[in-house]
C-alpha cells in the first residue's frame, strides 16, 4: 500500500484559557494579553494522545493510542459533540459551556479505508459495542498501517481518520478556540472562528444494521 498525505480536523476538549495546557500535565503558555497559545496547546494535545495516552475507545481496547480526527469540521463536531452531550450536558449538574481546541493535522503514512466496508459490517458504527473495531484496529497495527479511514458513527456520510502513531511527517495547521453551548430546550450549538452550527448527531448504525 502506498503512503498518502492527509490534512484532517480534530476537536479536543481543553478548557480555555487557564487550563488548556495544564489539563495535559504541561506548563502553561501564554501570549500577550493572557490568551493561551493555541498552537502550543494543539501540539500538546497531539503529543499527549500519541505519546502514550491509552484508554478504551472505538479503535483501541486500551493497549494503544489513537488520535481521532475527521475529514470535515462537521464530522469532528458531531463526533466530539456526542461525548460532550452524553458525558457532560446530560448530567443534572452541568455547565452551559464546554470549551475546546479545534485544529488541523497534516500527516503522511500508510492508510487503510474501511468506509465502503460498513455496508456489510455495520459493527463499524455500532453505538456502544466496539469489539469488532478493536479487532480491525489490532490487525491493522500488526500490518504497520498508520491510520484508518473509518465511517463516522455520529454523522451520516462522515469520515474519520484515526491515527495510531506519530508519522515522519506530522504538522499542526490552523488552530481556533471553540465552544459547545447548551441553550434553551437542550439545543447544543458549536461555535469557533471557522464554524457556527447546531450539533447534529445521527444514528448511523440504524442505516446499515440488518433487521
N, C-alpha and C. Protein backbone atom coordinates (compact mmCIF):
# COMPACT_ATOMS: atom_id res chain seq x y z
N UNK A 1 0.83 -1.19 0.00
CA UNK A 1 0.00 0.00 0.00
C UNK A 1 0.87 1.25 0.00
N UNK A 2 0.49 2.21 -0.84
CA UNK A 2 1.27 3.43 -0.96
C UNK A 2 0.92 4.41 0.16
N UNK A 3 1.91 5.23 0.52
CA UNK A 3 1.68 6.25 1.54
C UNK A 3 0.90 7.41 0.93
N UNK A 4 0.15 8.10 1.76
CA UNK A 4 -0.58 9.28 1.31
C UNK A 4 -0.42 10.38 2.36
N UNK A 5 -0.67 11.59 1.92
CA UNK A 5 -0.58 12.75 2.81
C UNK A 5 -2.00 13.26 3.06
N UNK A 6 -2.37 13.40 4.31
CA UNK A 6 -3.73 13.79 4.68
C UNK A 6 -3.72 15.02 5.57
N UNK A 7 -4.71 15.88 5.38
CA UNK A 7 -4.94 17.01 6.28
C UNK A 7 -6.34 16.87 6.85
N UNK A 8 -6.45 16.77 8.16
CA UNK A 8 -7.71 16.48 8.80
C UNK A 8 -7.98 17.49 9.92
N UNK A 9 -9.12 17.33 10.58
CA UNK A 9 -9.54 18.25 11.64
C UNK A 9 -9.74 17.48 12.93
N UNK A 10 -9.31 18.06 14.02
CA UNK A 10 -9.53 17.46 15.34
C UNK A 10 -10.11 18.51 16.28
N UNK A 11 -11.07 18.10 17.09
CA UNK A 11 -11.59 18.94 18.17
C UNK A 11 -11.27 18.23 19.47
N UNK A 12 -10.53 18.91 20.34
CA UNK A 12 -10.10 18.33 21.61
C UNK A 12 -10.61 19.19 22.76
N UNK A 13 -11.11 18.55 23.80
CA UNK A 13 -11.55 19.30 24.97
C UNK A 13 -10.33 19.83 25.70
N UNK A 14 -10.34 21.12 25.95
CA UNK A 14 -9.24 21.75 26.68
C UNK A 14 -9.73 23.10 27.16
N UNK A 15 -10.07 23.23 28.42
CA UNK A 15 -10.63 24.49 28.93
C UNK A 15 -9.74 25.68 28.61
N UNK A 16 -10.35 26.78 28.20
CA UNK A 16 -9.62 27.99 27.83
C UNK A 16 -9.88 29.09 28.87
N UNK A 17 -8.91 29.99 29.09
CA UNK A 17 -7.53 29.85 28.63
C UNK A 17 -6.63 29.24 29.70
N UNK A 18 -7.09 29.14 30.94
CA UNK A 18 -6.21 28.81 32.05
C UNK A 18 -5.71 27.38 31.99
N UNK A 19 -6.59 26.42 31.67
CA UNK A 19 -6.22 25.02 31.84
C UNK A 19 -5.91 24.29 30.53
N UNK A 20 -5.79 25.01 29.44
CA UNK A 20 -5.62 24.34 28.15
C UNK A 20 -4.38 23.45 28.12
N UNK A 21 -3.31 23.87 28.75
CA UNK A 21 -2.10 23.06 28.76
C UNK A 21 -1.99 22.23 30.03
N UNK A 22 -2.38 22.81 31.16
CA UNK A 22 -2.24 22.07 32.41
C UNK A 22 -3.13 20.83 32.42
N UNK A 23 -4.20 20.84 31.59
CA UNK A 23 -5.05 19.65 31.52
C UNK A 23 -4.32 18.46 30.94
N UNK A 24 -3.19 18.72 30.25
CA UNK A 24 -2.36 17.65 29.72
C UNK A 24 -1.12 17.43 30.59
N UNK A 25 -1.10 18.02 31.78
CA UNK A 25 0.05 17.86 32.66
C UNK A 25 1.25 18.64 32.22
N UNK A 26 1.03 19.72 31.46
CA UNK A 26 2.13 20.51 30.92
C UNK A 26 2.08 21.93 31.45
N UNK A 27 3.21 22.63 31.48
CA UNK A 27 3.21 24.01 31.97
C UNK A 27 2.42 24.92 31.05
N UNK A 28 1.88 25.98 31.60
CA UNK A 28 1.09 26.91 30.81
C UNK A 28 1.95 27.71 29.83
N UNK A 29 1.30 28.21 28.79
CA UNK A 29 1.97 29.05 27.80
C UNK A 29 0.99 30.15 27.42
N UNK A 30 1.46 31.38 27.36
CA UNK A 30 0.54 32.47 27.07
C UNK A 30 1.13 33.44 26.08
N UNK A 31 0.22 34.19 25.45
CA UNK A 31 0.62 35.25 24.55
C UNK A 31 0.27 36.57 25.20
N UNK A 32 0.58 37.67 24.51
CA UNK A 32 0.24 38.99 25.04
C UNK A 32 -1.25 39.06 25.32
N UNK A 33 -1.59 39.64 26.43
CA UNK A 33 -2.99 39.75 26.79
C UNK A 33 -3.50 38.57 27.58
N UNK A 34 -2.65 37.57 27.80
CA UNK A 34 -3.03 36.45 28.64
C UNK A 34 -3.75 35.33 27.92
N UNK A 35 -3.93 35.41 26.59
CA UNK A 35 -4.62 34.34 25.87
C UNK A 35 -3.69 33.16 25.69
N UNK A 36 -4.25 31.98 25.64
CA UNK A 36 -3.43 30.79 25.53
C UNK A 36 -2.85 30.67 24.13
N UNK A 37 -1.68 30.11 24.03
CA UNK A 37 -1.03 29.83 22.75
C UNK A 37 -1.70 28.59 22.16
N UNK A 38 -2.59 28.79 21.21
CA UNK A 38 -3.39 27.69 20.67
C UNK A 38 -2.53 26.66 19.95
N UNK A 39 -1.52 27.12 19.23
CA UNK A 39 -0.65 26.19 18.52
C UNK A 39 0.07 25.27 19.50
N UNK A 40 0.57 25.83 20.59
CA UNK A 40 1.23 25.02 21.60
C UNK A 40 0.26 24.04 22.24
N UNK A 41 -0.95 24.51 22.50
CA UNK A 41 -1.96 23.64 23.10
C UNK A 41 -2.33 22.50 22.16
N UNK A 42 -2.42 22.78 20.86
CA UNK A 42 -2.74 21.74 19.89
C UNK A 42 -1.63 20.70 19.81
N UNK A 43 -0.36 21.16 19.73
CA UNK A 43 0.76 20.24 19.74
C UNK A 43 0.76 19.40 21.02
N UNK A 44 0.48 20.06 22.14
CA UNK A 44 0.48 19.36 23.42
C UNK A 44 -0.59 18.27 23.45
N UNK A 45 -1.76 18.57 22.90
CA UNK A 45 -2.83 17.59 22.85
C UNK A 45 -2.42 16.38 22.01
N UNK A 46 -1.88 16.63 20.82
CA UNK A 46 -1.47 15.53 19.94
C UNK A 46 -0.35 14.70 20.57
N UNK A 47 0.62 15.38 21.17
CA UNK A 47 1.73 14.68 21.82
C UNK A 47 1.23 13.85 23.00
N UNK A 48 0.32 14.41 23.76
CA UNK A 48 -0.24 13.71 24.91
C UNK A 48 -0.94 12.43 24.48
N UNK A 49 -1.76 12.51 23.42
CA UNK A 49 -2.51 11.35 22.97
C UNK A 49 -1.58 10.30 22.35
N UNK A 50 -0.77 10.71 21.38
CA UNK A 50 0.07 9.75 20.67
C UNK A 50 1.31 9.35 21.47
N UNK A 51 1.62 10.12 22.49
CA UNK A 51 2.80 9.81 23.29
C UNK A 51 2.59 8.74 24.34
N UNK A 52 1.42 8.18 24.40
CA UNK A 52 1.23 7.09 25.35
C UNK A 52 -0.08 7.12 26.11
N UNK A 53 -0.96 8.09 25.81
CA UNK A 53 -2.27 8.11 26.45
C UNK A 53 -3.09 6.94 25.91
N UNK A 54 -3.43 6.00 26.78
CA UNK A 54 -4.13 4.80 26.33
C UNK A 54 -5.40 4.61 27.14
N UNK A 55 -6.51 4.63 26.44
CA UNK A 55 -7.79 4.35 27.08
C UNK A 55 -8.69 3.69 26.05
N UNK A 56 -9.63 2.91 26.50
CA UNK A 56 -10.52 2.20 25.59
C UNK A 56 -11.39 3.19 24.84
N UNK A 57 -11.48 3.00 23.54
CA UNK A 57 -12.30 3.84 22.68
C UNK A 57 -12.69 2.99 21.47
N UNK A 58 -13.31 3.59 20.48
CA UNK A 58 -13.82 2.78 19.36
C UNK A 58 -12.72 1.97 18.67
N UNK A 59 -11.56 2.55 18.47
CA UNK A 59 -10.50 1.83 17.76
C UNK A 59 -9.29 1.52 18.64
N UNK A 60 -9.51 1.41 19.93
CA UNK A 60 -8.46 0.93 20.84
C UNK A 60 -9.11 0.26 22.04
N UNK A 61 -8.57 -0.91 22.39
CA UNK A 61 -9.05 -1.60 23.59
C UNK A 61 -8.31 -1.11 24.84
N UNK A 62 -7.51 -0.08 24.67
CA UNK A 62 -6.74 0.48 25.78
C UNK A 62 -5.28 0.10 25.74
N UNK A 63 -4.87 -0.70 24.75
CA UNK A 63 -3.49 -1.14 24.67
C UNK A 63 -2.63 -0.26 23.75
N UNK A 64 -3.25 0.64 22.98
CA UNK A 64 -2.50 1.51 22.07
C UNK A 64 -3.23 2.85 21.96
N UNK A 65 -2.51 3.91 21.63
CA UNK A 65 -3.14 5.23 21.49
C UNK A 65 -3.79 5.41 20.13
N UNK A 66 -4.76 6.29 20.06
CA UNK A 66 -5.40 6.68 18.79
C UNK A 66 -5.69 8.18 18.83
N UNK A 67 -5.25 8.89 17.80
CA UNK A 67 -5.60 10.30 17.65
C UNK A 67 -6.77 10.35 16.67
N UNK A 68 -7.94 10.70 17.17
CA UNK A 68 -9.13 10.73 16.34
C UNK A 68 -9.27 12.08 15.64
N UNK A 69 -9.34 12.05 14.31
CA UNK A 69 -9.54 13.24 13.51
C UNK A 69 -10.65 12.96 12.49
N UNK A 70 -11.03 13.97 11.74
CA UNK A 70 -12.10 13.81 10.75
C UNK A 70 -11.73 14.57 9.48
N UNK A 71 -12.37 14.20 8.37
CA UNK A 71 -12.08 14.86 7.10
C UNK A 71 -12.81 16.19 6.97
N UNK A 72 -13.77 16.46 7.85
CA UNK A 72 -14.51 17.72 7.80
C UNK A 72 -14.79 18.22 9.21
N UNK A 73 -14.98 19.54 9.32
CA UNK A 73 -15.32 20.11 10.62
C UNK A 73 -16.67 19.59 11.10
N UNK A 74 -17.64 19.46 10.19
CA UNK A 74 -18.97 18.98 10.58
C UNK A 74 -18.90 17.61 11.26
N UNK A 75 -18.09 16.72 10.71
CA UNK A 75 -17.96 15.39 11.31
C UNK A 75 -17.26 15.47 12.64
N UNK A 76 -16.21 16.27 12.74
CA UNK A 76 -15.49 16.44 14.00
C UNK A 76 -16.42 16.99 15.08
N UNK A 77 -17.30 17.92 14.71
CA UNK A 77 -18.25 18.49 15.67
C UNK A 77 -19.21 17.42 16.17
N UNK A 78 -19.73 16.61 15.26
CA UNK A 78 -20.67 15.55 15.67
C UNK A 78 -20.00 14.53 16.56
N UNK A 79 -18.78 14.15 16.22
CA UNK A 79 -18.06 13.14 16.99
C UNK A 79 -17.76 13.64 18.41
N UNK A 80 -17.16 14.82 18.52
CA UNK A 80 -16.84 15.35 19.84
C UNK A 80 -18.11 15.77 20.58
N UNK A 81 -19.05 16.33 19.84
CA UNK A 81 -20.29 16.77 20.45
C UNK A 81 -21.09 15.64 21.08
N UNK A 82 -21.02 14.45 20.50
CA UNK A 82 -21.70 13.30 21.09
C UNK A 82 -21.21 13.04 22.51
N UNK A 83 -19.90 13.11 22.69
CA UNK A 83 -19.32 12.84 24.02
C UNK A 83 -19.56 14.00 24.97
N UNK A 84 -19.57 15.21 24.44
CA UNK A 84 -19.90 16.35 25.29
C UNK A 84 -21.33 16.22 25.80
N UNK A 85 -22.24 15.82 24.91
CA UNK A 85 -23.64 15.67 25.30
C UNK A 85 -23.83 14.55 26.31
N UNK A 86 -23.29 13.35 26.00
CA UNK A 86 -23.55 12.19 26.86
C UNK A 86 -22.78 12.24 28.17
N UNK A 87 -21.59 12.85 28.16
CA UNK A 87 -20.74 12.83 29.35
C UNK A 87 -20.86 14.07 30.21
N UNK A 88 -21.34 15.18 29.63
CA UNK A 88 -21.35 16.44 30.37
C UNK A 88 -22.75 17.07 30.40
N UNK A 89 -23.31 17.37 29.23
CA UNK A 89 -24.57 18.10 29.19
C UNK A 89 -25.77 17.27 29.63
N UNK A 90 -25.65 15.95 29.66
CA UNK A 90 -26.77 15.11 30.08
C UNK A 90 -26.86 14.95 31.60
N UNK A 91 -25.85 15.45 32.32
CA UNK A 91 -25.83 15.31 33.77
C UNK A 91 -26.72 16.37 34.42
N UNK A 92 -27.19 16.07 35.62
CA UNK A 92 -28.05 17.03 36.33
C UNK A 92 -27.28 18.28 36.73
N UNK A 93 -26.05 18.10 37.19
CA UNK A 93 -25.17 19.24 37.50
C UNK A 93 -24.25 19.43 36.31
N UNK A 94 -24.52 20.44 35.52
CA UNK A 94 -23.78 20.59 34.27
C UNK A 94 -23.50 22.06 33.98
N UNK A 95 -22.42 22.31 33.24
CA UNK A 95 -22.16 23.68 32.79
C UNK A 95 -23.02 23.99 31.57
N UNK A 96 -23.02 25.20 31.14
CA UNK A 96 -23.72 25.57 29.91
C UNK A 96 -22.74 25.80 28.76
N UNK A 97 -21.43 25.66 29.05
CA UNK A 97 -20.42 25.82 28.01
C UNK A 97 -19.27 24.87 28.25
N UNK A 98 -18.81 24.22 27.19
CA UNK A 98 -17.64 23.35 27.24
C UNK A 98 -16.66 23.85 26.17
N UNK A 99 -15.47 24.26 26.61
CA UNK A 99 -14.50 24.85 25.71
C UNK A 99 -13.56 23.80 25.14
N UNK A 100 -13.02 24.09 23.98
CA UNK A 100 -12.18 23.11 23.29
C UNK A 100 -11.22 23.81 22.34
N UNK A 101 -10.36 23.00 21.74
CA UNK A 101 -9.43 23.47 20.70
C UNK A 101 -9.78 22.75 19.40
N UNK A 102 -9.91 23.51 18.35
CA UNK A 102 -10.14 22.95 17.00
C UNK A 102 -8.87 23.18 16.19
N UNK A 103 -8.30 22.11 15.66
CA UNK A 103 -7.06 22.31 14.90
C UNK A 103 -6.91 21.32 13.75
N UNK A 104 -6.12 21.73 12.77
CA UNK A 104 -5.83 20.88 11.62
C UNK A 104 -4.56 20.06 11.88
N UNK A 105 -4.56 18.84 11.38
CA UNK A 105 -3.40 17.96 11.49
C UNK A 105 -3.06 17.46 10.09
N UNK A 106 -1.79 17.57 9.72
CA UNK A 106 -1.31 17.00 8.46
C UNK A 106 -0.30 15.91 8.77
N UNK A 107 -0.50 14.74 8.18
CA UNK A 107 0.42 13.62 8.40
C UNK A 107 0.53 12.80 7.13
N UNK A 108 1.58 12.01 7.06
CA UNK A 108 1.83 11.19 5.88
C UNK A 108 2.19 9.78 6.32
N UNK A 109 1.52 8.80 5.75
CA UNK A 109 1.78 7.41 6.11
C UNK A 109 0.90 6.48 5.32
N UNK A 110 0.84 5.25 5.76
CA UNK A 110 0.06 4.22 5.07
C UNK A 110 -1.31 4.12 5.72
N UNK A 111 -2.35 4.34 4.93
CA UNK A 111 -3.71 4.29 5.44
C UNK A 111 -4.50 3.13 4.87
N UNK A 112 -5.55 2.77 5.57
CA UNK A 112 -6.46 1.71 5.13
C UNK A 112 -7.88 2.24 5.26
N UNK A 113 -8.67 2.12 4.20
CA UNK A 113 -10.04 2.63 4.21
C UNK A 113 -11.04 1.53 4.58
N UNK A 114 -11.89 1.86 5.55
CA UNK A 114 -12.98 0.98 5.96
C UNK A 114 -14.34 1.55 5.55
N UNK A 115 -14.31 2.66 4.84
CA UNK A 115 -15.55 3.40 4.56
C UNK A 115 -16.57 2.56 3.81
N UNK A 116 -16.15 1.87 2.77
CA UNK A 116 -17.10 1.07 1.98
C UNK A 116 -17.48 -0.23 2.65
N UNK A 117 -16.72 -0.64 3.66
CA UNK A 117 -16.99 -1.91 4.34
C UNK A 117 -18.20 -1.84 5.25
N UNK A 118 -18.64 -0.64 5.60
CA UNK A 118 -19.71 -0.51 6.59
C UNK A 118 -21.03 -1.09 6.11
N UNK A 119 -21.24 -1.14 4.81
CA UNK A 119 -22.49 -1.70 4.29
C UNK A 119 -22.65 -3.16 4.67
N UNK A 120 -21.53 -3.90 4.71
CA UNK A 120 -21.56 -5.31 5.10
C UNK A 120 -21.17 -5.52 6.56
N UNK A 121 -20.51 -4.54 7.14
CA UNK A 121 -20.06 -4.65 8.53
C UNK A 121 -20.56 -3.45 9.34
N UNK A 122 -21.87 -3.42 9.63
CA UNK A 122 -22.40 -2.29 10.42
C UNK A 122 -21.81 -2.19 11.81
N UNK A 123 -21.12 -3.26 12.25
CA UNK A 123 -20.45 -3.21 13.56
C UNK A 123 -19.44 -2.07 13.64
N UNK A 124 -18.99 -1.60 12.46
CA UNK A 124 -18.04 -0.49 12.43
C UNK A 124 -18.63 0.79 13.03
N UNK A 125 -19.96 0.90 13.03
CA UNK A 125 -20.61 2.10 13.55
C UNK A 125 -21.59 1.77 14.67
N UNK A 126 -21.40 0.62 15.32
CA UNK A 126 -22.29 0.29 16.44
C UNK A 126 -22.14 1.37 17.51
N UNK A 127 -23.25 1.81 18.08
CA UNK A 127 -23.17 2.94 19.02
C UNK A 127 -22.41 2.67 20.31
N UNK A 128 -22.35 1.39 20.75
CA UNK A 128 -21.70 1.12 22.05
C UNK A 128 -20.75 -0.07 22.04
N UNK A 129 -20.93 -1.03 21.14
CA UNK A 129 -20.10 -2.23 21.12
C UNK A 129 -18.94 -2.03 20.15
N UNK A 130 -17.73 -1.86 20.69
CA UNK A 130 -16.56 -1.57 19.87
C UNK A 130 -15.68 -2.79 19.61
N UNK A 131 -16.11 -3.97 19.99
CA UNK A 131 -15.25 -5.15 19.93
C UNK A 131 -14.78 -5.46 18.50
N UNK A 132 -15.65 -5.30 17.52
CA UNK A 132 -15.24 -5.56 16.13
C UNK A 132 -14.20 -4.53 15.69
N UNK A 133 -14.42 -3.28 16.03
CA UNK A 133 -13.46 -2.23 15.67
C UNK A 133 -12.10 -2.48 16.33
N UNK A 134 -12.10 -3.00 17.55
CA UNK A 134 -10.85 -3.33 18.21
C UNK A 134 -10.06 -4.37 17.41
N UNK A 135 -10.77 -5.40 16.92
CA UNK A 135 -10.09 -6.45 16.15
C UNK A 135 -9.52 -5.88 14.85
N UNK A 136 -10.30 -5.03 14.19
CA UNK A 136 -9.84 -4.42 12.95
C UNK A 136 -8.60 -3.56 13.20
N UNK A 137 -8.63 -2.77 14.26
CA UNK A 137 -7.51 -1.90 14.58
C UNK A 137 -6.27 -2.70 14.94
N UNK A 138 -6.44 -3.76 15.71
CA UNK A 138 -5.30 -4.59 16.11
C UNK A 138 -4.63 -5.20 14.88
N UNK A 139 -5.45 -5.72 13.95
CA UNK A 139 -4.89 -6.32 12.74
C UNK A 139 -4.19 -5.26 11.88
N UNK A 140 -4.77 -4.07 11.80
CA UNK A 140 -4.17 -3.01 11.00
C UNK A 140 -2.81 -2.60 11.58
N UNK A 141 -2.73 -2.47 12.89
CA UNK A 141 -1.46 -2.11 13.52
C UNK A 141 -0.41 -3.19 13.29
N UNK A 142 -0.82 -4.45 13.34
CA UNK A 142 0.12 -5.56 13.11
C UNK A 142 0.66 -5.56 11.68
N UNK A 143 -0.10 -4.94 10.76
CA UNK A 143 0.33 -4.84 9.36
C UNK A 143 1.00 -3.49 9.08
N UNK A 144 1.34 -2.77 10.16
CA UNK A 144 2.04 -1.48 10.07
C UNK A 144 1.23 -0.40 9.34
N UNK A 145 -0.09 -0.49 9.46
CA UNK A 145 -0.96 0.58 8.97
C UNK A 145 -0.87 1.75 9.95
N UNK A 146 -0.67 2.95 9.42
CA UNK A 146 -0.51 4.13 10.28
C UNK A 146 -1.84 4.74 10.70
N UNK A 147 -2.84 4.67 9.81
CA UNK A 147 -4.13 5.28 10.12
C UNK A 147 -5.26 4.60 9.35
N UNK A 148 -6.45 4.74 9.87
CA UNK A 148 -7.65 4.17 9.25
C UNK A 148 -8.60 5.28 8.82
N UNK A 149 -9.13 5.16 7.61
CA UNK A 149 -10.28 5.96 7.20
C UNK A 149 -11.51 5.17 7.62
N UNK A 150 -12.30 5.71 8.53
CA UNK A 150 -13.41 4.96 9.10
C UNK A 150 -14.71 5.74 9.00
N UNK A 151 -15.83 5.06 8.77
CA UNK A 151 -17.11 5.77 8.73
C UNK A 151 -17.46 6.31 10.10
N UNK A 152 -18.00 7.51 10.12
CA UNK A 152 -18.44 8.10 11.38
C UNK A 152 -19.70 7.40 11.88
N UNK A 153 -19.74 7.14 13.18
CA UNK A 153 -20.94 6.56 13.80
C UNK A 153 -21.91 7.65 14.24
N UNK A 154 -21.50 8.91 14.16
CA UNK A 154 -22.32 10.01 14.67
C UNK A 154 -22.76 11.00 13.58
N UNK A 155 -22.20 10.89 12.38
CA UNK A 155 -22.54 11.81 11.30
C UNK A 155 -22.72 11.03 10.00
N UNK A 156 -23.92 11.04 9.45
CA UNK A 156 -24.21 10.32 8.21
C UNK A 156 -23.29 10.81 7.09
N UNK A 157 -22.57 9.87 6.46
CA UNK A 157 -21.65 10.22 5.38
C UNK A 157 -20.32 10.76 5.84
N UNK A 158 -20.14 10.93 7.15
CA UNK A 158 -18.89 11.47 7.67
C UNK A 158 -17.77 10.44 7.68
N UNK A 159 -16.55 10.92 7.59
CA UNK A 159 -15.38 10.03 7.58
C UNK A 159 -14.39 10.51 8.64
N UNK A 160 -13.97 9.59 9.49
CA UNK A 160 -12.93 9.85 10.48
C UNK A 160 -11.60 9.30 9.97
N UNK A 161 -10.52 9.92 10.38
CA UNK A 161 -9.18 9.42 10.08
C UNK A 161 -8.48 9.23 11.42
N UNK A 162 -8.27 7.98 11.79
CA UNK A 162 -7.80 7.62 13.12
C UNK A 162 -6.34 7.20 13.07
N UNK A 163 -5.49 8.01 13.68
CA UNK A 163 -4.03 7.84 13.58
C UNK A 163 -3.50 7.06 14.78
N UNK A 164 -2.72 6.01 14.50
CA UNK A 164 -2.19 5.15 15.56
C UNK A 164 -0.85 5.63 16.11
N UNK A 165 -0.10 6.36 15.30
CA UNK A 165 1.25 6.75 15.72
C UNK A 165 1.64 8.06 15.04
N UNK A 166 2.60 8.75 15.62
CA UNK A 166 3.11 9.97 15.02
C UNK A 166 4.01 9.60 13.84
N UNK A 167 3.66 10.07 12.66
CA UNK A 167 4.39 9.70 11.45
C UNK A 167 5.55 10.67 11.23
N UNK A 168 6.42 10.32 10.26
CA UNK A 168 7.60 11.15 9.99
C UNK A 168 7.19 12.57 9.60
N UNK A 169 6.12 12.67 8.81
CA UNK A 169 5.53 13.98 8.50
C UNK A 169 4.33 14.15 9.43
N UNK A 170 4.43 15.15 10.31
CA UNK A 170 3.35 15.41 11.27
C UNK A 170 3.36 16.89 11.60
N UNK A 171 2.33 17.60 11.15
CA UNK A 171 2.30 19.05 11.29
C UNK A 171 0.94 19.50 11.84
N UNK A 172 0.97 20.52 12.67
CA UNK A 172 -0.23 21.16 13.15
C UNK A 172 -0.47 22.41 12.31
N UNK A 173 -1.69 22.54 11.81
CA UNK A 173 -2.03 23.70 10.98
C UNK A 173 -2.82 24.73 11.76
N UNK A 174 -3.84 25.28 11.13
CA UNK A 174 -4.62 26.35 11.76
C UNK A 174 -5.30 25.86 13.03
N UNK A 175 -5.39 26.74 14.01
CA UNK A 175 -5.98 26.42 15.32
C UNK A 175 -7.01 27.48 15.68
N UNK A 176 -8.02 27.06 16.42
CA UNK A 176 -9.04 28.00 16.87
C UNK A 176 -9.60 27.53 18.20
N UNK A 177 -10.01 28.49 19.02
CA UNK A 177 -10.75 28.15 20.23
C UNK A 177 -12.20 27.93 19.85
N UNK A 178 -12.82 26.93 20.44
CA UNK A 178 -14.21 26.63 20.15
C UNK A 178 -14.98 26.35 21.43
N UNK A 179 -16.31 26.33 21.32
CA UNK A 179 -17.15 26.04 22.48
C UNK A 179 -18.41 25.32 22.04
N UNK A 180 -18.81 24.35 22.86
CA UNK A 180 -20.14 23.77 22.76
C UNK A 180 -21.01 24.50 23.78
N UNK A 181 -22.14 25.02 23.34
CA UNK A 181 -23.01 25.82 24.19
C UNK A 181 -24.36 25.14 24.35
N UNK A 182 -24.80 24.97 25.58
CA UNK A 182 -26.10 24.37 25.88
C UNK A 182 -27.13 25.48 26.04
N UNK A 183 -28.13 25.49 25.14
CA UNK A 183 -29.12 26.54 25.15
C UNK A 183 -30.47 26.07 25.64
N UNK A 184 -31.47 26.93 25.49
CA UNK A 184 -32.83 26.62 25.91
C UNK A 184 -33.36 25.40 25.15
N UNK A 185 -34.11 24.57 25.86
CA UNK A 185 -34.68 23.39 25.24
C UNK A 185 -33.68 22.30 24.95
N UNK A 186 -32.48 22.43 25.51
CA UNK A 186 -31.47 21.40 25.30
C UNK A 186 -30.74 21.49 23.97
N UNK A 187 -30.96 22.57 23.21
CA UNK A 187 -30.28 22.74 21.93
C UNK A 187 -28.80 23.04 22.18
N UNK A 188 -27.94 22.31 21.48
CA UNK A 188 -26.50 22.49 21.63
C UNK A 188 -25.94 23.11 20.37
N UNK A 189 -25.16 24.15 20.52
CA UNK A 189 -24.50 24.80 19.39
C UNK A 189 -22.99 24.68 19.53
N UNK A 190 -22.34 24.66 18.38
CA UNK A 190 -20.87 24.70 18.38
C UNK A 190 -20.45 25.98 17.69
N UNK A 191 -19.53 26.70 18.33
CA UNK A 191 -19.06 27.98 17.79
C UNK A 191 -17.53 28.03 17.85
N UNK A 192 -16.92 28.36 16.72
CA UNK A 192 -15.49 28.64 16.67
C UNK A 192 -15.27 29.71 15.61
N UNK A 193 -14.02 30.07 15.37
CA UNK A 193 -13.73 31.06 14.34
C UNK A 193 -14.13 30.59 12.95
N UNK A 194 -14.17 29.27 12.75
CA UNK A 194 -14.46 28.73 11.42
C UNK A 194 -15.89 28.24 11.26
N UNK A 195 -16.57 27.99 12.37
CA UNK A 195 -17.86 27.29 12.29
C UNK A 195 -18.85 27.80 13.34
N UNK A 196 -20.10 27.91 12.94
CA UNK A 196 -21.21 28.16 13.86
C UNK A 196 -22.36 27.25 13.41
N UNK A 197 -22.71 26.28 14.24
CA UNK A 197 -23.73 25.32 13.81
C UNK A 197 -24.41 24.68 15.02
N UNK A 198 -25.61 24.15 14.78
CA UNK A 198 -26.26 23.32 15.77
C UNK A 198 -25.60 21.94 15.76
N UNK A 199 -25.53 21.30 16.92
CA UNK A 199 -24.97 19.96 16.99
C UNK A 199 -25.95 18.96 16.36
N UNK A 200 -25.45 18.17 15.44
CA UNK A 200 -26.23 17.11 14.79
C UNK A 200 -25.58 15.77 15.13
N UNK A 201 -26.36 14.86 15.69
CA UNK A 201 -25.86 13.51 15.98
C UNK A 201 -26.79 12.52 15.29
N UNK A 202 -26.28 11.82 14.30
CA UNK A 202 -27.08 10.86 13.54
C UNK A 202 -26.94 9.45 14.11
N UNK A 203 -27.99 8.66 13.98
CA UNK A 203 -27.94 7.24 14.35
C UNK A 203 -27.52 6.46 13.11
N UNK A 204 -26.23 6.47 12.82
CA UNK A 204 -25.71 5.87 11.59
C UNK A 204 -25.89 4.36 11.60
N UNK A 205 -25.77 3.74 12.76
CA UNK A 205 -25.90 2.27 12.84
C UNK A 205 -27.25 1.79 12.30
N UNK A 206 -28.31 2.53 12.59
CA UNK A 206 -29.64 2.11 12.15
C UNK A 206 -29.78 2.13 10.63
N UNK A 207 -28.93 2.91 9.95
CA UNK A 207 -28.99 2.97 8.50
C UNK A 207 -28.40 1.74 7.83
N UNK A 208 -27.51 1.03 8.55
CA UNK A 208 -26.80 -0.10 7.97
C UNK A 208 -27.13 -1.44 8.61
N UNK A 209 -27.65 -1.42 9.83
CA UNK A 209 -27.90 -2.68 10.52
C UNK A 209 -29.03 -3.46 9.86
N UNK A 210 -28.91 -4.78 9.91
CA UNK A 210 -29.90 -5.65 9.31
C UNK A 210 -31.08 -5.80 10.27
N UNK A 211 -32.26 -5.88 9.69
CA UNK A 211 -33.46 -6.10 10.50
C UNK A 211 -33.56 -7.58 10.90
